[in-house]
Amino acid sequence: MSEELQSLLDLLDLERIEEDIFRGRSRSAVVPRVFGGQVAAQALVAAGRTVPQERLPHSLHAYFLRPGDPGAPIVYEVDRLRDGRSFTTRRVVAVQHGKPIFGLSASFQTYEEGLDHQAPMPAAPDPATLPTGEERLRSYPHLPAETVERFIEARAAVDLRYVDDPPFGRFGEPREAHSQVWFRTNGKLADDPLLHVVLATYVSDMTLLDSVLLAHGRGGWAVGDVVGASLDHAMWFHRPFRADEWLLYDQHSPSASGGRGLGQARIYTQDGRLAISVIQEGVIRVPREH
């Protein structure tokens, strides 16, 4: 296991300070605020610590309320909404400086057999044939060295490989509102199904709005031609998967309007099983010229 992955796992291992209250810390991000995937993953950890081990998340719905302060701890307060025979529901509020910065509702289910069908996996190249994230980032001479290093540091725990140029790699003209990345953790994880769900939640916020930027030929926050932030995030977990094995993140944007952009995605295992569905809306604004 890489040092960076171990550091991420330590970050997600929250401190319990009361029965249903947990405390977490933050790490560096590409932008000067707490990374949304981090607070979502930590909130899911907090919820999971109050649920029977045999029940795993099947969905989560979250709102990003305020920018997080990376220099201050985050307190996660868990509300036990329901404990049924098959389903368990939890609500989590993340608090900093006395104010909520994030809210999450998550539902957990005991495994059961049932009807089964799925959308087919789209075509994508083998991840082994693609450049690593670091190789691709260092291949763009227009990116400031500081920006490249921040991206590499923020994503060091994950092997994330773009199928095509990301928005910040090639911009200026609109492209299809569709993006694909392969990802897996940089090292093996324990056989804890909740941990794999938490790691996928963490990664899910890294690239989902890329497809919005592609549709408008924008490079994104890395080049400064838009400003924005995540607004809300929803995930549905359909089938078992491992976050330390290759997962295809197939993303597209059906709409952008009113200063907001919507990203939708499906995450597949390498052998073609649909593991996760994801939807996110974010604020995406073009800076005004003075």
Protein backbone atom coordinates (compact mmCIF):
# COMPACT_ATOMS: atom_id res chain seq x y z
CA MET A 1 0.00 0.00 0.00
CA SER A 2 1.31 3.46 -0.90
CA GLU A 3 1.99 6.03 1.81
CA GLU A 4 -0.56 8.31 0.15
CA LEU A 5 -3.30 5.67 0.33
CA GLN A 6 -2.50 4.92 3.96
CA SER A 7 -2.69 8.66 4.67
CA LEU A 8 -6.14 8.77 3.04
CA LEU A 9 -7.35 5.77 5.06
CA ASP A 10 -6.12 7.48 8.24
CA LEU A 11 -8.04 10.59 7.19
CA LEU A 12 -11.24 8.55 6.84
CA ASP A 13 -10.79 6.82 10.21
CA LEU A 14 -12.84 9.27 12.27
CA GLU A 15 -12.46 9.86 15.99
CA ARG A 16 -15.58 9.01 18.00
CA ILE A 17 -16.10 11.77 20.57
CA GLU A 18 -19.61 10.76 21.68
CA GLU A 19 -22.07 7.96 20.89
CA ASP A 20 -23.22 9.46 17.58
CA ILE A 21 -20.70 12.29 17.17
CA PHE A 22 -17.42 11.95 15.28
CA ARG A 23 -14.52 14.24 14.44
CA GLY A 24 -12.45 14.33 11.27
CA ARG A 25 -9.64 16.40 9.83
CA SER A 26 -8.84 17.54 6.29
CA ARG A 27 -6.07 17.27 3.74
CA SER A 28 -4.83 19.46 0.90
CA ALA A 29 -7.07 19.84 -2.14
CA VAL A 30 -6.81 21.33 -5.61
CA VAL A 31 -8.87 24.34 -4.47
CA PRO A 32 -8.36 26.17 -1.13
CA ARG A 33 -11.30 24.53 0.64
CA VAL A 34 -12.19 21.07 1.89
CA PHE A 35 -12.57 18.63 -1.01
CA GLY A 36 -16.22 17.65 -1.37
CA GLY A 37 -15.43 13.97 -1.85
CA GLN A 38 -13.60 13.97 1.46
CA VAL A 39 -16.48 15.37 3.51
CA ALA A 40 -18.96 13.05 1.74
CA ALA A 41 -16.78 10.01 2.44
CA GLN A 42 -16.22 11.00 6.07
CA ALA A 43 -19.95 11.57 6.58
CA LEU A 44 -20.65 8.12 5.16
CA VAL A 45 -18.06 6.63 7.54
CA ALA A 46 -19.81 8.35 10.45
CA ALA A 47 -23.20 6.98 9.37
CA GLY A 48 -21.75 3.51 8.82
CA ARG A 49 -20.29 3.41 12.34
CA THR A 50 -23.86 3.47 13.72
CA VAL A 51 -25.27 0.71 11.48
CA PRO A 52 -25.01 -3.09 11.83
CA GLN A 53 -21.99 -4.35 9.88
CA GLU A 54 -24.05 -6.60 7.61
CA ARG A 55 -26.02 -3.62 6.27
CA LEU A 56 -24.30 -1.69 3.49
CA PRO A 57 -25.22 1.63 1.84
CA HIS A 58 -27.49 1.35 -1.18
CA SER A 59 -27.95 5.11 -1.62
CA LEU A 60 -26.85 8.51 -0.38
CA HIS A 61 -28.09 12.03 -1.01
CA ALA A 62 -26.06 15.03 0.05
CA TYR A 63 -25.95 18.82 -0.06
CA PHE A 64 -22.83 20.97 0.13
CA LEU A 65 -23.93 23.93 2.24
CA ARG A 66 -20.79 26.01 2.89
CA PRO A 67 -17.13 25.82 1.87
CA GLY A 68 -15.16 23.79 4.40
CA ASP A 69 -12.13 25.19 6.20
CA PRO A 70 -9.21 22.75 5.64
CA GLY A 71 -7.43 24.13 8.71
CA ALA A 72 -10.17 23.24 11.19
CA PRO A 73 -11.61 19.89 12.35
CA ILE A 74 -15.03 18.80 11.11
CA VAL A 75 -17.60 17.42 13.56
CA TYR A 76 -20.09 14.86 12.19
CA GLU A 77 -23.39 14.51 14.05
CA VAL A 78 -25.40 11.37 13.21
CA ASP A 79 -29.18 11.21 13.57
CA ARG A 80 -30.63 7.67 13.69
CA LEU A 81 -33.78 8.19 11.62
CA ARG A 82 -34.90 4.59 11.20
CA ASP A 83 -33.88 1.03 12.03
CA GLY A 84 -36.17 -1.34 10.15
CA ARG A 85 -36.06 -5.08 9.52
CA SER A 86 -34.30 -4.64 6.15
CA PHE A 87 -33.36 -0.97 5.89
CA THR A 88 -31.56 1.52 8.12
CA THR A 89 -31.61 5.28 7.51
CA ARG A 90 -29.16 7.84 8.87
CA ARG A 91 -28.83 11.59 8.57
CA VAL A 92 -25.43 13.25 9.09
CA VAL A 93 -24.63 16.94 9.50
CA ALA A 94 -21.02 18.12 9.21
CA VAL A 95 -20.27 21.18 11.33
CA GLN A 96 -17.39 23.66 11.38
CA HIS A 97 -17.13 26.87 13.41
CA GLY A 98 -20.63 26.25 14.76
CA LYS A 99 -22.30 26.10 11.31
CA PRO A 100 -23.35 23.18 9.09
CA ILE A 101 -21.20 22.85 5.98
CA PHE A 102 -22.63 19.59 4.62
CA GLY A 103 -25.66 17.35 5.05
CA LEU A 104 -26.05 13.71 4.05
CA SER A 105 -28.83 11.15 4.20
CA ALA A 106 -27.85 7.52 3.63
CA SER A 107 -29.88 4.32 3.48
CA PHE A 108 -28.42 0.91 4.31
CA GLN A 109 -29.86 -2.50 3.44
CA THR A 110 -29.37 -6.12 4.39
CA TYR A 111 -28.47 -8.10 1.23
CA GLU A 112 -31.35 -9.93 -0.45
CA GLU A 113 -32.01 -11.66 -3.76
CA GLY A 114 -34.26 -9.97 -6.31
CA LEU A 115 -34.88 -9.02 -9.95
CA ASP A 116 -31.67 -8.18 -11.80
CA HIS A 117 -30.93 -6.26 -15.00
CA GLN A 118 -28.55 -3.46 -15.96
CA ALA A 119 -27.53 -1.06 -18.71
CA PRO A 120 -24.62 -2.47 -20.72
CA MET A 121 -21.10 -1.20 -20.14
CA PRO A 122 -19.96 1.32 -22.79
CA ALA A 123 -16.85 0.75 -24.85
CA ALA A 124 -13.60 2.00 -23.29
CA PRO A 125 -9.90 1.25 -23.80
CA ASP A 126 -8.03 -0.98 -21.40
CA PRO A 127 -6.74 1.17 -18.49
CA ALA A 128 -3.30 -0.41 -18.84
CA THR A 129 -2.96 1.29 -22.26
CA LEU A 130 -3.62 4.79 -20.88
CA PRO A 131 -1.12 7.24 -19.37
CA THR A 132 -1.23 7.64 -15.61
CA GLY A 133 -2.76 10.79 -14.18
CA GLU A 134 0.67 12.17 -13.35
CA GLU A 135 2.01 11.44 -16.85
CA ARG A 136 -0.95 13.18 -18.46
CA LEU A 137 -0.75 16.20 -16.16
CA ARG A 138 2.96 16.69 -16.82
CA SER A 139 2.34 16.54 -20.58
CA TYR A 140 0.45 19.87 -20.64
CA PRO A 141 2.97 22.76 -20.88
CA HIS A 142 0.25 25.38 -20.48
CA LEU A 143 -0.54 24.29 -16.90
CA PRO A 144 1.39 26.15 -14.17
CA ALA A 145 3.84 23.87 -12.36
CA GLU A 146 2.18 24.70 -9.03
CA THR A 147 -1.23 23.60 -10.35
CA VAL A 148 0.20 20.32 -11.66
CA GLU A 149 1.84 19.55 -8.31
CA ARG A 150 -1.38 20.34 -6.41
CA PHE A 151 -3.36 17.98 -8.65
CA ILE A 152 -0.78 15.22 -8.26
CA GLU A 153 -0.64 15.60 -4.48
CA ALA A 154 -4.43 15.73 -4.07
CA ARG A 155 -4.93 12.56 -6.16
CA ALA A 156 -1.86 10.59 -5.09
CA ALA A 157 -3.88 7.91 -3.27
CA VAL A 158 -5.77 7.05 -6.46
CA ASP A 159 -4.63 5.79 -9.87
CA LEU A 160 -6.96 7.86 -12.07
CA ARG A 161 -6.56 7.62 -15.84
CA TYR A 162 -8.46 9.76 -18.34
CA VAL A 163 -9.53 8.06 -21.56
CA ASP A 164 -9.26 11.40 -23.43
CA ASP A 165 -7.87 14.84 -22.60
CA PRO A 166 -9.58 16.32 -19.52
CA PRO A 167 -11.07 19.82 -19.76
CA PHE A 168 -7.89 21.49 -18.51
CA GLY A 169 -5.78 19.57 -21.03
CA ARG A 170 -7.52 20.74 -24.20
CA PHE A 171 -9.97 23.63 -24.15
CA GLY A 172 -11.20 26.54 -26.24
CA GLU A 173 -13.70 24.65 -28.40
CA PRO A 174 -16.77 22.68 -27.26
CA ARG A 175 -16.52 18.90 -27.25
CA GLU A 176 -19.01 16.13 -26.62
CA ALA A 177 -20.39 16.39 -23.08
CA HIS A 178 -18.97 12.97 -22.23
CA SER A 179 -15.95 11.93 -20.19
CA GLN A 180 -14.50 8.59 -19.12
CA VAL A 181 -11.91 7.80 -16.49
CA TRP A 182 -10.65 4.55 -15.03
CA PHE A 183 -9.74 4.58 -11.35
CA ARG A 184 -8.59 2.36 -8.50
CA THR A 185 -6.77 2.98 -5.25
CA ASN A 186 -2.97 2.95 -5.28
CA GLY A 187 -2.76 -0.23 -3.22
CA LYS A 188 -4.87 -3.08 -1.89
CA LEU A 189 -7.62 -2.47 0.62
CA ALA A 190 -8.95 -4.62 3.44
CA ASP A 191 -11.92 -6.89 2.72
CA ASP A 192 -14.39 -4.44 4.25
CA PRO A 193 -17.27 -3.71 1.82
CA LEU A 194 -18.12 -0.40 3.52
CA LEU A 195 -14.54 0.80 3.04
CA HIS A 196 -14.76 0.19 -0.72
CA VAL A 197 -18.05 2.13 -0.89
CA VAL A 198 -16.47 5.00 1.06
CA LEU A 199 -13.43 5.14 -1.26
CA ALA A 200 -15.65 5.18 -4.36
CA THR A 201 -17.65 8.01 -2.78
CA TYR A 202 -14.41 9.94 -2.23
CA VAL A 203 -13.32 9.56 -5.87
CA SER A 204 -16.77 10.24 -7.31
CA ASP A 205 -16.47 13.99 -6.69
CA MET A 206 -13.16 14.38 -8.55
CA THR A 207 -14.29 14.48 -12.18
CA LEU A 208 -18.09 14.36 -12.42
CA LEU A 209 -18.57 17.95 -13.62
CA ASP A 210 -15.88 17.60 -16.31
CA SER A 211 -18.53 16.74 -18.88
CA VAL A 212 -20.24 20.10 -18.25
CA LEU A 213 -16.97 21.92 -18.96
CA LEU A 214 -16.31 19.87 -22.10
CA ALA A 215 -19.65 20.91 -23.61
CA HIS A 216 -18.59 24.56 -23.43
CA GLY A 217 -14.90 24.26 -24.21
CA ARG A 218 -13.93 25.37 -20.71
CA GLY A 219 -10.77 24.24 -18.96
CA GLY A 220 -12.11 24.59 -15.45
CA TRP A 221 -10.68 25.72 -12.13
CA ALA A 222 -7.19 24.50 -13.13
CA VAL A 223 -6.94 27.26 -15.76
CA GLY A 224 -9.29 29.80 -14.19
CA ASP A 225 -11.89 30.16 -16.95
CA VAL A 226 -14.74 29.14 -14.61
CA VAL A 227 -15.46 29.31 -10.91
CA GLY A 228 -17.69 26.83 -9.18
CA ALA A 229 -18.42 24.29 -6.50
CA SER A 230 -20.51 21.17 -5.93
CA LEU A 231 -24.10 21.78 -4.82
CA ASP A 232 -25.53 18.34 -4.29
CA HIS A 233 -24.49 14.73 -4.86
CA ALA A 234 -26.42 11.47 -5.05
CA MET A 235 -25.21 7.88 -5.41
CA TRP A 236 -26.90 4.49 -5.71
CA PHE A 237 -24.85 1.36 -5.05
CA HIS A 238 -26.19 -1.53 -7.12
CA ARG A 239 -23.70 -4.39 -6.97
CA PRO A 240 -20.59 -5.37 -4.99
CA PHE A 241 -17.26 -3.98 -6.18
CA ARG A 242 -13.73 -3.33 -4.99
CA ALA A 243 -12.27 0.17 -5.10
CA ASP A 244 -8.76 -1.33 -5.40
CA GLU A 245 -9.69 -2.91 -8.74
CA TRP A 246 -10.28 -0.96 -11.96
CA LEU A 247 -13.61 0.86 -12.19
CA LEU A 248 -14.82 2.73 -15.28
CA TYR A 249 -16.43 6.11 -14.49
CA ASP A 250 -18.58 6.97 -17.53
CA GLN A 251 -19.84 10.55 -17.20
CA HIS A 252 -22.02 12.89 -19.24
CA SER A 253 -23.89 16.17 -18.83
CA PRO A 254 -27.50 16.47 -20.04
CA SER A 255 -27.91 20.13 -19.08
CA ALA A 256 -26.34 23.39 -17.92
CA SER A 257 -28.38 26.52 -17.20
CA GLY A 258 -28.88 29.22 -14.60
CA GLY A 259 -25.25 29.14 -13.48
CA ARG A 260 -25.52 25.41 -12.72
CA GLY A 261 -24.38 22.27 -14.52
CA LEU A 262 -25.61 18.70 -14.11
CA GLY A 263 -23.41 15.62 -14.36
CA GLN A 264 -24.68 12.03 -14.53
CA ALA A 265 -22.54 8.91 -14.44
CA ARG A 266 -22.37 5.16 -14.18
CA ILE A 267 -19.49 3.25 -12.62
CA TYR A 268 -18.73 -0.24 -13.95
CA THR A 269 -16.38 -2.97 -12.81
CA GLN A 270 -13.81 -4.03 -15.38
CA ASP A 271 -15.79 -7.19 -16.15
CA GLY A 272 -18.87 -5.12 -17.06
CA ARG A 273 -21.07 -5.09 -13.94
CA LEU A 274 -22.91 -1.83 -13.21
CA ALA A 275 -21.81 -1.03 -9.66
CA ILE A 276 -22.87 2.58 -9.01
CA SER A 277 -25.01 5.38 -10.46
CA VAL A 278 -24.09 9.00 -9.65
CA ILE A 279 -25.70 12.41 -10.18
CA GLN A 280 -24.27 15.78 -9.18
CA GLU A 281 -25.18 19.41 -9.77
CA GLY A 282 -22.68 22.20 -9.31
CA VAL A 283 -22.37 25.93 -9.59
CA ILE A 284 -20.38 26.75 -12.74
CA ARG A 285 -19.96 30.42 -13.53
CA VAL A 286 -17.85 32.20 -16.12
CA PRO A 287 -15.88 35.01 -14.41
CA ARG A 288 -17.05 38.46 -15.38
CA GLU A 289 -14.61 40.64 -17.26
CA HIS A 290 -14.02 44.04 -15.70
